[in-house]
Amino acid sequence: MLCVSVCPKGQLREDKGLNKRGIKPIKFLGKNCTGCALCAVICPDVAIEVYK
């Protein structure tokens, strides 16, 4: 949930359902993403890649 808290445009949300591992994944809305990559920098699992 760290990535959700740092997104300046609010483009990341916690998904409602659980994935196969029992974890609530993050959903990318993608409407107004500026490509700042703050989400990728703060992600402890290194699970986010940002392409400009």
N, C-alpha and C. Protein backbone atom coordinates (compact mmCIF):
# COMPACT_ATOMS: atom_id res chain seq x y z
N MET A 1 0.81 -1.20 0.00
CA MET A 1 0.00 0.00 0.00
C MET A 1 0.85 1.27 0.00
N LEU A 2 2.17 1.13 0.07
CA LEU A 2 3.03 2.32 0.04
C LEU A 2 2.89 3.07 -1.27
N CYS A 3 2.78 2.33 -2.36
CA CYS A 3 2.68 2.98 -3.68
C CYS A 3 1.41 3.81 -3.79
N VAL A 4 0.34 3.34 -3.20
CA VAL A 4 -0.93 4.07 -3.24
C VAL A 4 -0.78 5.41 -2.53
N SER A 5 -0.06 5.43 -1.44
CA SER A 5 0.08 6.66 -0.65
C SER A 5 0.97 7.70 -1.31
N VAL A 6 1.88 7.31 -2.20
CA VAL A 6 2.79 8.29 -2.81
C VAL A 6 2.36 8.77 -4.18
N CYS A 7 1.36 8.17 -4.78
CA CYS A 7 0.95 8.57 -6.13
C CYS A 7 0.32 9.96 -6.10
N PRO A 8 0.96 10.94 -6.75
CA PRO A 8 0.43 12.31 -6.69
C PRO A 8 -0.88 12.49 -7.46
N LYS A 9 -1.18 11.61 -8.39
CA LYS A 9 -2.41 11.70 -9.19
C LYS A 9 -3.49 10.73 -8.73
N GLY A 10 -3.21 9.92 -7.70
CA GLY A 10 -4.19 8.97 -7.19
C GLY A 10 -4.58 7.89 -8.18
N GLN A 11 -3.61 7.41 -8.96
CA GLN A 11 -3.88 6.44 -10.02
C GLN A 11 -3.74 4.99 -9.56
N LEU A 12 -3.46 4.76 -8.30
CA LEU A 12 -3.34 3.41 -7.76
C LEU A 12 -4.38 3.22 -6.66
N ARG A 13 -5.06 2.07 -6.71
CA ARG A 13 -6.07 1.74 -5.72
C ARG A 13 -5.91 0.29 -5.30
N GLU A 14 -6.33 -0.01 -4.08
CA GLU A 14 -6.33 -1.40 -3.63
C GLU A 14 -7.50 -2.12 -4.28
N ASP A 15 -7.23 -3.28 -4.88
CA ASP A 15 -8.28 -4.05 -5.53
C ASP A 15 -9.18 -4.67 -4.47
N LYS A 16 -10.42 -4.94 -4.82
CA LYS A 16 -11.38 -5.48 -3.86
C LYS A 16 -11.13 -6.94 -3.53
N GLY A 17 -10.78 -7.73 -4.53
CA GLY A 17 -10.62 -9.17 -4.33
C GLY A 17 -9.21 -9.57 -3.95
N LEU A 18 -9.05 -10.81 -3.56
CA LEU A 18 -7.75 -11.36 -3.21
C LEU A 18 -7.18 -12.12 -4.40
N ASN A 19 -5.85 -12.12 -4.53
CA ASN A 19 -5.23 -12.92 -5.59
C ASN A 19 -5.00 -14.34 -5.08
N LYS A 20 -4.29 -15.16 -5.83
CA LYS A 20 -4.07 -16.56 -5.45
C LYS A 20 -3.28 -16.72 -4.17
N ARG A 21 -2.47 -15.72 -3.85
CA ARG A 21 -1.66 -15.77 -2.62
C ARG A 21 -2.40 -15.22 -1.41
N GLY A 22 -3.62 -14.76 -1.61
CA GLY A 22 -4.40 -14.22 -0.50
C GLY A 22 -4.06 -12.77 -0.19
N ILE A 23 -3.50 -12.09 -1.18
CA ILE A 23 -3.10 -10.69 -1.00
C ILE A 23 -3.98 -9.81 -1.87
N LYS A 24 -4.35 -8.65 -1.34
CA LYS A 24 -5.11 -7.70 -2.15
C LYS A 24 -4.14 -6.97 -3.07
N PRO A 25 -4.25 -7.17 -4.37
CA PRO A 25 -3.34 -6.50 -5.30
C PRO A 25 -3.72 -5.03 -5.50
N ILE A 26 -2.79 -4.29 -6.06
CA ILE A 26 -3.01 -2.88 -6.37
C ILE A 26 -3.49 -2.78 -7.81
N LYS A 27 -4.46 -1.94 -8.05
CA LYS A 27 -5.01 -1.74 -9.39
C LYS A 27 -4.54 -0.38 -9.92
N PHE A 28 -4.02 -0.39 -11.14
CA PHE A 28 -3.56 0.83 -11.81
C PHE A 28 -4.69 1.38 -12.66
N LEU A 29 -5.10 2.61 -12.40
CA LEU A 29 -6.20 3.22 -13.14
C LEU A 29 -5.72 3.79 -14.47
N GLY A 30 -4.51 4.36 -14.50
CA GLY A 30 -3.86 4.77 -15.73
C GLY A 30 -4.43 5.94 -16.49
N LYS A 31 -5.30 6.71 -15.91
CA LYS A 31 -5.92 7.82 -16.62
C LYS A 31 -5.01 9.04 -16.75
N ASN A 32 -4.42 9.44 -15.66
CA ASN A 32 -3.63 10.68 -15.64
C ASN A 32 -2.22 10.45 -15.13
N CYS A 33 -1.65 9.30 -15.35
CA CYS A 33 -0.30 8.99 -14.88
C CYS A 33 0.71 9.90 -15.57
N THR A 34 1.59 10.50 -14.78
CA THR A 34 2.61 11.38 -15.33
C THR A 34 3.94 10.68 -15.54
N GLY A 35 4.07 9.44 -15.07
CA GLY A 35 5.32 8.70 -15.21
C GLY A 35 6.37 9.13 -14.22
N CYS A 36 5.96 9.66 -13.08
CA CYS A 36 6.92 10.16 -12.08
C CYS A 36 7.74 9.04 -11.44
N ALA A 37 7.22 7.82 -11.44
CA ALA A 37 7.88 6.62 -10.92
C ALA A 37 8.07 6.61 -9.40
N LEU A 38 7.35 7.43 -8.68
CA LEU A 38 7.42 7.38 -7.22
C LEU A 38 6.93 6.04 -6.69
N CYS A 39 5.93 5.48 -7.35
CA CYS A 39 5.41 4.18 -6.94
C CYS A 39 6.47 3.08 -7.07
N ALA A 40 7.22 3.12 -8.15
CA ALA A 40 8.25 2.11 -8.39
C ALA A 40 9.41 2.25 -7.40
N VAL A 41 9.73 3.47 -7.04
CA VAL A 41 10.84 3.72 -6.11
C VAL A 41 10.50 3.21 -4.72
N ILE A 42 9.26 3.40 -4.28
CA ILE A 42 8.90 3.05 -2.90
C ILE A 42 8.45 1.59 -2.74
N CYS A 43 8.17 0.90 -3.84
CA CYS A 43 7.67 -0.48 -3.76
C CYS A 43 8.71 -1.42 -3.16
N PRO A 44 8.44 -2.02 -1.99
CA PRO A 44 9.42 -2.90 -1.35
C PRO A 44 9.60 -4.23 -2.10
N ASP A 45 8.65 -4.60 -2.94
CA ASP A 45 8.71 -5.86 -3.68
C ASP A 45 9.28 -5.68 -5.09
N VAL A 46 9.64 -4.47 -5.46
CA VAL A 46 10.16 -4.14 -6.79
C VAL A 46 9.23 -4.74 -7.86
N ALA A 47 7.94 -4.52 -7.69
CA ALA A 47 6.94 -5.12 -8.56
C ALA A 47 6.37 -4.14 -9.58
N ILE A 48 6.89 -2.92 -9.62
CA ILE A 48 6.35 -1.91 -10.52
C ILE A 48 7.43 -1.40 -11.47
N GLU A 49 7.09 -1.37 -12.76
CA GLU A 49 7.96 -0.78 -13.78
C GLU A 49 7.20 0.36 -14.42
N VAL A 50 7.89 1.48 -14.64
CA VAL A 50 7.26 2.64 -15.25
C VAL A 50 7.97 2.93 -16.55
N TYR A 51 7.17 3.06 -17.61
CA TYR A 51 7.69 3.40 -18.93
C TYR A 51 7.16 4.77 -19.32
N LYS A 52 8.05 5.63 -19.77
CA LYS A 52 7.62 6.96 -20.18
C LYS A 52 7.39 7.01 -21.66
